[in-house]
């Protein structure tokens, strides 16, 4: 099923068969620059708008919107038009920027136990248009609040590099048609090494964020099961190749789990990993957000700050990321699109 933002210019022209070129340009400009729904592109005659909406439906059916952090964090629950599969995206306003976190899959097959999306399982890949429409909807909401959407992070539901072609086509559409800088686009991965290497050959220098979470294979195998296929040494080699080709800083995401990956040993191992990419690696420390199926708690904030100090003592540039959206299950690792998540018990070491 092709939806509105899946269509190329040529496909749009075919739908508006017989329309002069300037009408195609008006339609494209209305969708991508004015952020208008197809039925509201006022520069087009009503008959053309009707033809567009009948041939190319919206991909996302709004199901619910929730807010927190004084209205600066907004989570959207969408149902996909082709069958109702639920996905979520999150718009976050900061003092100097507005960022949307988008999903690339309905569910996720990576099975990271501390992530609600991973617990919910995998349904299907999203299309480029389904990804792009999340951004357009967020940009439209931001504009209504007098804000400009400035950043997109592919960190929502799913593993972007397990859906590489659709993810990249969405990147190209955001860059070429929405006019977003490649430097404002960040693709996150749990460590899909072939995807990282393919990304290094792509045409745009997007940012890369790697969800590392552990600096030794024994622990990372438990927290991030894909590590059994692509162990840390292989992952770091791919990151080094990406850095050499793209010259873009790489971020390591580190969800801090109390008593699991927040010890001096973990600081040593993380520092060793960061030095492989020095000075172009940055660490984001994130206290683990609570999810119903993972019994281990996030590291208390004072201990997180001490861990950041340990990294600084080892020459690593690290930032403690402020949690946003926790109370509405919109924070990192909490997106489950309202799906029930099985409750699991046991220690972190047992929940591989």
Protein backbone atom coordinates (compact mmCIF):
# COMPACT_ATOMS: atom_id res chain seq x y z
CA UNK A 1 0.00 0.00 0.00
CA UNK A 2 1.57 3.27 -1.12
CA UNK A 3 0.89 6.25 1.10
CA UNK A 4 1.27 10.00 0.65
CA UNK A 5 4.93 10.40 1.60
CA UNK A 6 6.02 7.21 -0.16
CA UNK A 7 5.31 8.75 -3.56
CA UNK A 8 8.11 10.28 -5.64
CA UNK A 9 7.67 13.39 -7.77
CA UNK A 10 7.21 11.22 -10.85
CA UNK A 11 4.57 9.14 -9.11
CA UNK A 12 2.83 12.31 -7.95
CA UNK A 13 2.88 13.55 -11.55
CA UNK A 14 1.39 10.26 -12.74
CA UNK A 15 -1.47 10.57 -10.24
CA UNK A 16 -2.10 14.15 -11.39
CA UNK A 17 -1.94 12.98 -15.00
CA UNK A 18 -2.20 15.87 -17.41
CA UNK A 19 -1.44 18.56 -14.82
CA UNK A 20 1.17 21.14 -15.85
CA UNK A 21 4.60 20.96 -14.21
CA UNK A 22 3.94 23.93 -11.98
CA UNK A 23 1.01 22.09 -10.39
CA UNK A 24 3.28 19.18 -9.49
CA UNK A 25 5.70 21.66 -7.94
CA UNK A 26 2.85 23.25 -5.97
CA UNK A 27 1.78 19.86 -4.66
CA UNK A 28 5.34 18.92 -3.68
CA UNK A 29 5.98 22.30 -2.06
CA UNK A 30 2.72 22.08 -0.14
CA UNK A 31 3.60 18.65 1.26
CA UNK A 32 7.27 19.17 2.08
CA UNK A 33 7.83 22.86 2.68
CA UNK A 34 4.43 24.11 3.83
CA UNK A 35 3.76 20.83 5.68
CA UNK A 36 0.13 20.85 4.59
CA UNK A 37 -2.19 17.84 4.48
CA UNK A 38 -2.96 16.99 0.86
CA UNK A 39 -6.57 18.09 1.26
CA UNK A 40 -5.43 21.54 2.45
CA UNK A 41 -2.90 22.51 -0.24
CA UNK A 42 -4.65 25.75 -1.11
CA UNK A 43 -2.61 26.40 -4.26
CA UNK A 44 -4.12 23.31 -5.90
CA UNK A 45 -7.62 23.12 -7.38
CA UNK A 46 -10.04 21.11 -5.28
CA UNK A 47 -10.26 18.34 -7.92
CA UNK A 48 -6.48 17.79 -7.73
CA UNK A 49 -6.54 17.69 -3.95
CA UNK A 50 -9.30 15.10 -4.08
CA UNK A 51 -7.33 13.02 -6.57
CA UNK A 52 -4.29 13.10 -4.28
CA UNK A 53 -6.15 12.11 -1.14
CA UNK A 54 -7.99 9.27 -2.90
CA UNK A 55 -4.84 7.85 -4.51
CA UNK A 56 -2.39 8.42 -1.66
CA UNK A 57 -3.84 8.07 1.84
CA UNK A 58 -2.04 9.22 4.97
CA UNK A 59 0.13 6.47 6.45
CA UNK A 60 -0.54 7.35 10.08
CA UNK A 61 -3.91 7.26 11.81
CA UNK A 62 -3.78 9.26 15.08
CA UNK A 63 -4.70 7.12 18.08
CA UNK A 64 -3.53 9.11 21.13
CA UNK A 65 -1.31 12.02 22.13
CA UNK A 66 0.13 12.46 25.62
CA UNK A 67 2.28 15.22 27.08
CA UNK A 68 4.55 15.81 30.04
CA UNK A 69 7.49 18.01 31.09
CA UNK A 70 5.25 21.05 31.01
CA UNK A 71 4.12 20.31 27.47
CA UNK A 72 7.66 20.20 26.08
CA UNK A 73 7.51 16.41 25.53
CA UNK A 74 4.73 14.99 23.38
CA UNK A 75 4.27 11.30 22.53
CA UNK A 76 2.18 10.21 19.57
CA UNK A 77 0.57 6.80 19.22
CA UNK A 78 -0.21 6.02 15.59
CA UNK A 79 -1.93 3.12 13.88
CA UNK A 80 -0.54 2.30 10.45
CA UNK A 81 -3.16 2.70 7.77
CA UNK A 82 -2.62 -0.70 6.17
CA UNK A 83 -3.62 -2.77 9.14
CA UNK A 84 -3.59 -0.86 12.38
CA UNK A 85 -0.12 -1.85 13.58
CA UNK A 86 0.75 0.61 16.38
CA UNK A 87 3.92 2.71 16.46
CA UNK A 88 5.05 5.71 18.49
CA UNK A 89 7.11 8.84 17.97
CA UNK A 90 8.13 11.58 20.40
CA UNK A 91 8.53 15.35 19.92
CA UNK A 92 10.80 17.10 22.42
CA UNK A 93 11.27 20.86 22.70
CA UNK A 94 14.48 22.18 24.26
CA UNK A 95 15.60 25.78 24.79
CA UNK A 96 17.64 25.84 21.58
CA UNK A 97 16.11 23.10 19.43
CA UNK A 98 13.17 20.81 18.76
CA UNK A 99 13.80 17.13 18.12
CA UNK A 100 11.58 14.29 16.99
CA UNK A 101 12.41 10.66 17.76
CA UNK A 102 10.96 8.44 15.04
CA UNK A 103 10.31 4.73 14.65
CA UNK A 104 11.61 2.65 11.75
CA UNK A 105 9.83 -0.62 12.54
CA UNK A 106 6.61 -1.72 14.18
CA UNK A 107 8.18 -3.48 17.13
CA UNK A 108 11.77 -4.70 17.16
CA UNK A 109 13.53 -8.02 16.68
CA UNK A 110 16.71 -7.15 18.60
CA UNK A 111 15.31 -8.56 21.89
CA UNK A 112 17.20 -6.26 24.26
CA UNK A 113 15.55 -7.28 27.51
CA UNK A 114 15.60 -3.88 29.22
CA UNK A 115 13.81 -2.23 26.26
CA UNK A 116 10.02 -2.31 26.15
CA UNK A 117 10.01 -2.33 22.34
CA UNK A 118 12.32 -5.35 22.28
CA UNK A 119 10.07 -7.18 24.73
CA UNK A 120 7.03 -6.53 22.53
CA UNK A 121 8.56 -8.33 19.53
CA UNK A 122 8.67 -7.51 15.82
CA UNK A 123 5.72 -6.91 13.49
CA UNK A 124 7.10 -5.39 10.28
CA UNK A 125 9.40 -2.81 8.72
CA UNK A 126 8.11 0.70 8.09
CA UNK A 127 8.17 2.20 4.62
CA UNK A 128 10.07 5.42 3.85
CA UNK A 129 6.77 7.30 3.73
CA UNK A 130 5.70 6.01 7.14
CA UNK A 131 8.98 7.24 8.59
CA UNK A 132 8.87 10.61 6.81
CA UNK A 133 5.26 11.24 7.81
CA UNK A 134 6.22 10.97 11.50
CA UNK A 135 8.65 13.83 10.93
CA UNK A 136 6.15 15.92 8.94
CA UNK A 137 3.48 15.53 11.62
CA UNK A 138 5.94 16.55 14.33
CA UNK A 139 7.18 19.51 12.27
CA UNK A 140 3.58 20.60 11.75
CA UNK A 141 2.92 20.47 15.50
CA UNK A 142 6.15 22.30 16.26
CA UNK A 143 5.23 25.06 13.80
CA UNK A 144 1.83 25.43 15.44
CA UNK A 145 3.70 26.20 18.68
CA UNK A 146 5.95 28.73 16.96
CA UNK A 147 8.89 26.32 16.89
CA UNK A 148 10.94 24.89 14.03
CA UNK A 149 11.75 21.20 14.01
CA UNK A 150 15.54 21.15 13.86
CA UNK A 151 16.63 17.56 14.56
CA UNK A 152 15.53 14.01 13.80
CA UNK A 153 16.81 11.01 15.72
CA UNK A 154 16.10 7.50 14.43
CA UNK A 155 15.88 6.13 17.97
CA UNK A 156 12.22 5.16 18.31
CA UNK A 157 10.73 1.72 17.87
CA UNK A 158 12.86 -0.69 15.86
CA UNK A 159 16.45 -1.02 14.66
CA UNK A 160 17.09 1.44 11.78
CA UNK A 161 19.95 -0.57 10.28
CA UNK A 162 17.78 -3.69 10.17
CA UNK A 163 15.54 -1.69 7.81
CA UNK A 164 18.37 0.06 5.96
CA UNK A 165 16.91 0.93 2.56
CA UNK A 166 13.69 2.44 3.90
CA UNK A 167 15.63 4.30 6.59
CA UNK A 168 18.05 5.74 4.05
CA UNK A 169 15.33 6.72 1.59
CA UNK A 170 13.64 8.56 4.46
CA UNK A 171 16.95 10.31 5.24
CA UNK A 172 17.26 11.41 1.61
CA UNK A 173 13.70 12.73 1.58
CA UNK A 174 14.22 14.64 4.85
CA UNK A 175 17.44 16.13 3.53
CA UNK A 176 16.47 16.84 -0.05
CA UNK A 177 12.81 17.77 0.31
CA UNK A 178 12.22 18.88 3.89
CA UNK A 179 15.53 20.75 3.70
CA UNK A 180 17.07 19.30 6.86
CA UNK A 181 20.84 19.29 7.26
CA UNK A 182 22.50 15.88 7.35
CA UNK A 183 24.22 17.03 10.52
CA UNK A 184 20.82 17.29 12.21
CA UNK A 185 19.95 13.65 11.44
CA UNK A 186 21.13 10.86 13.77
CA UNK A 187 20.80 7.13 13.08
CA UNK A 188 21.02 4.87 16.11
CA UNK A 189 21.97 1.19 16.09
CA UNK A 190 22.53 -1.59 18.60
CA UNK A 191 25.50 -2.65 16.50
CA UNK A 192 24.45 -4.00 13.10
CA UNK A 193 27.97 -4.07 11.66
CA UNK A 194 27.07 -4.55 7.95
CA UNK A 195 24.66 -1.62 8.29
CA UNK A 196 27.33 0.61 9.79
CA UNK A 197 29.72 -0.25 6.98
CA UNK A 198 27.03 0.41 4.38
CA UNK A 199 26.24 3.71 6.07
CA UNK A 200 29.87 4.76 5.65
CA UNK A 201 29.40 4.50 1.87
CA UNK A 202 26.21 6.57 1.78
CA UNK A 203 26.16 10.04 0.29
CA UNK A 204 25.21 12.08 3.36
CA UNK A 205 27.29 12.53 6.55
CA UNK A 206 24.63 11.74 9.12
CA UNK A 207 25.45 11.23 12.78
CA UNK A 208 25.88 7.71 14.14
CA UNK A 209 24.86 6.68 17.66
CA UNK A 210 25.77 3.21 18.91
CA UNK A 211 23.83 1.71 21.81
CA UNK A 212 26.82 0.13 23.54
CA UNK A 213 25.72 -0.37 27.18
CA UNK A 214 28.64 -2.68 28.05
CA UNK A 215 32.35 -2.75 27.32
CA UNK A 216 32.93 -6.52 27.60
CA UNK A 217 31.35 -9.22 25.51
CA UNK A 218 30.23 -11.35 28.44
CA UNK A 219 27.95 -8.59 29.73
CA UNK A 220 26.93 -7.16 26.36
CA UNK A 221 25.85 -10.61 25.18
CA UNK A 222 23.29 -10.52 27.98
CA UNK A 223 22.12 -6.94 27.54
CA UNK A 224 22.27 -6.67 23.73
CA UNK A 225 21.90 -10.15 22.19
CA UNK A 226 23.07 -9.06 18.70
CA UNK A 227 26.52 -8.80 20.30
CA UNK A 228 26.79 -12.58 19.98
CA UNK A 229 26.88 -12.08 16.22
CA UNK A 230 28.90 -8.84 16.15
CA UNK A 231 31.13 -8.70 19.26
CA UNK A 232 32.57 -5.48 20.57
CA UNK A 233 35.91 -5.70 18.75
CA UNK A 234 34.13 -6.16 15.40
CA UNK A 235 31.71 -3.35 16.22
CA UNK A 236 34.53 -0.94 17.11
CA UNK A 237 36.35 -1.78 13.87
CA UNK A 238 33.20 -0.86 11.91
CA UNK A 239 32.85 2.36 13.90
CA UNK A 240 36.46 3.25 13.15
CA UNK A 241 35.82 2.67 9.43
CA UNK A 242 32.74 4.90 9.61
CA UNK A 243 34.72 7.62 11.36
CA UNK A 244 37.52 7.44 8.80
CA UNK A 245 35.08 7.73 5.89
CA UNK A 246 32.55 10.23 7.23
CA UNK A 247 34.56 12.32 9.72
CA UNK A 248 31.49 12.61 11.95
CA UNK A 249 31.59 12.21 15.70
CA UNK A 250 30.21 8.89 16.96
CA UNK A 251 28.14 8.72 20.12
CA UNK A 252 28.05 5.76 22.46
CA UNK A 253 24.73 5.41 24.27
CA UNK A 254 25.10 3.84 27.71
CA UNK A 255 21.92 3.00 29.66
CA UNK A 256 23.13 2.86 33.24
CA UNK A 257 21.85 -0.16 35.15
CA UNK A 258 22.41 -0.14 38.89
CA UNK A 259 25.10 -2.58 39.92
CA UNK A 260 25.45 -3.95 36.39
CA UNK A 261 27.39 -1.53 34.16
CA UNK A 262 28.20 1.39 36.45
CA UNK A 263 31.34 0.16 38.26
CA UNK A 264 34.97 1.32 37.96
CA UNK A 265 35.62 -1.78 35.83
CA UNK A 266 32.86 -0.65 33.44
CA UNK A 267 34.36 2.83 33.30
CA UNK A 268 37.73 1.31 32.36
CA UNK A 269 36.18 -0.83 29.62
CA UNK A 270 34.09 2.03 28.22
CA UNK A 271 37.14 4.28 28.21
CA UNK A 272 39.10 1.63 26.31
CA UNK A 273 36.33 1.46 23.70
CA UNK A 274 36.11 5.24 23.36
CA UNK A 275 39.88 5.54 22.91
CA UNK A 276 39.63 3.42 19.76
CA UNK A 277 37.81 6.38 18.21
CA UNK A 278 39.51 9.16 20.16
CA UNK A 279 39.04 12.10 19.99
CA UNK A 280 35.87 11.63 17.94
CA UNK A 281 33.78 9.57 20.35
CA UNK A 282 31.30 10.98 22.82
CA UNK A 283 29.44 9.07 25.53
CA UNK A 284 25.83 9.74 26.49
CA UNK A 285 25.00 8.36 29.92
CA UNK A 286 21.31 7.61 30.42
CA UNK A 287 19.92 6.25 33.69
CA UNK A 288 17.95 3.15 32.70
CA UNK A 289 14.30 4.02 32.29
CA UNK A 290 11.83 1.67 34.00
CA UNK A 291 10.01 -0.89 31.84
CA UNK A 292 7.54 -3.43 33.20
CA UNK A 293 9.40 -6.49 31.97
CA UNK A 294 12.87 -5.68 33.32
CA UNK A 295 13.38 -5.92 37.09
CA UNK A 296 16.77 -4.19 37.31
CA UNK A 297 16.73 -0.49 38.28
CA UNK A 298 18.45 2.44 36.74
CA UNK A 299 21.57 3.82 38.41
CA UNK A 300 20.73 6.66 40.86
CA UNK A 301 21.67 10.07 39.52
CA UNK A 302 24.49 10.78 42.02
CA UNK A 303 26.12 7.51 41.01
CA UNK A 304 25.63 8.38 37.32
CA UNK A 305 27.45 11.65 37.89
CA UNK A 306 30.27 9.85 39.67
CA UNK A 307 30.54 7.48 36.70
CA UNK A 308 30.81 10.51 34.40
CA UNK A 309 33.62 11.80 36.62
CA UNK A 310 35.39 8.44 36.34
CA UNK A 311 35.19 8.69 32.56
CA UNK A 312 36.53 12.24 32.62
CA UNK A 313 39.45 11.04 34.75
CA UNK A 314 40.13 8.50 31.99
CA UNK A 315 40.03 11.16 29.28
CA UNK A 316 36.55 10.40 27.92
CA UNK A 317 34.08 13.11 26.96
CA UNK A 318 30.73 12.16 28.52
CA UNK A 319 27.37 13.82 29.04
CA UNK A 320 24.66 12.83 31.51
CA UNK A 321 21.48 12.99 29.45
CA UNK A 322 18.40 14.33 31.18
CA UNK A 323 15.47 11.91 31.05
CA UNK A 324 12.50 13.22 29.09
CA UNK A 325 9.07 11.66 28.93
CA UNK A 326 9.50 8.98 31.59
CA UNK A 327 6.10 9.59 33.17
CA UNK A 328 4.30 8.97 29.86
CA UNK A 329 6.54 6.03 28.80
CA UNK A 330 8.14 8.19 26.10
CA UNK A 331 11.76 7.93 27.25
CA UNK A 332 14.53 5.81 25.73
CA UNK A 333 13.61 2.13 25.83
CA UNK A 334 10.00 2.70 26.86
CA UNK A 335 8.20 2.88 23.50
CA UNK A 336 5.85 -0.10 23.21
CA UNK A 337 2.90 1.51 21.39
CA UNK A 338 0.47 0.49 24.09
CA UNK A 339 1.17 -3.20 23.55
CA UNK A 340 1.20 -5.54 26.53
CA UNK A 341 4.69 -6.48 27.66
CA UNK A 342 5.38 -9.79 29.38
CA UNK A 343 6.66 -9.47 32.91
CA UNK A 344 9.97 -11.26 33.37
CA UNK A 345 11.78 -11.92 36.64
CA UNK A 346 15.34 -12.67 37.51
CA UNK A 347 18.70 -10.95 37.69
CA UNK A 348 20.21 -8.99 34.84
CA UNK A 349 22.70 -11.81 34.30
CA UNK A 350 19.84 -14.32 33.88
CA UNK A 351 17.77 -12.18 31.49
CA UNK A 352 19.90 -12.64 28.40
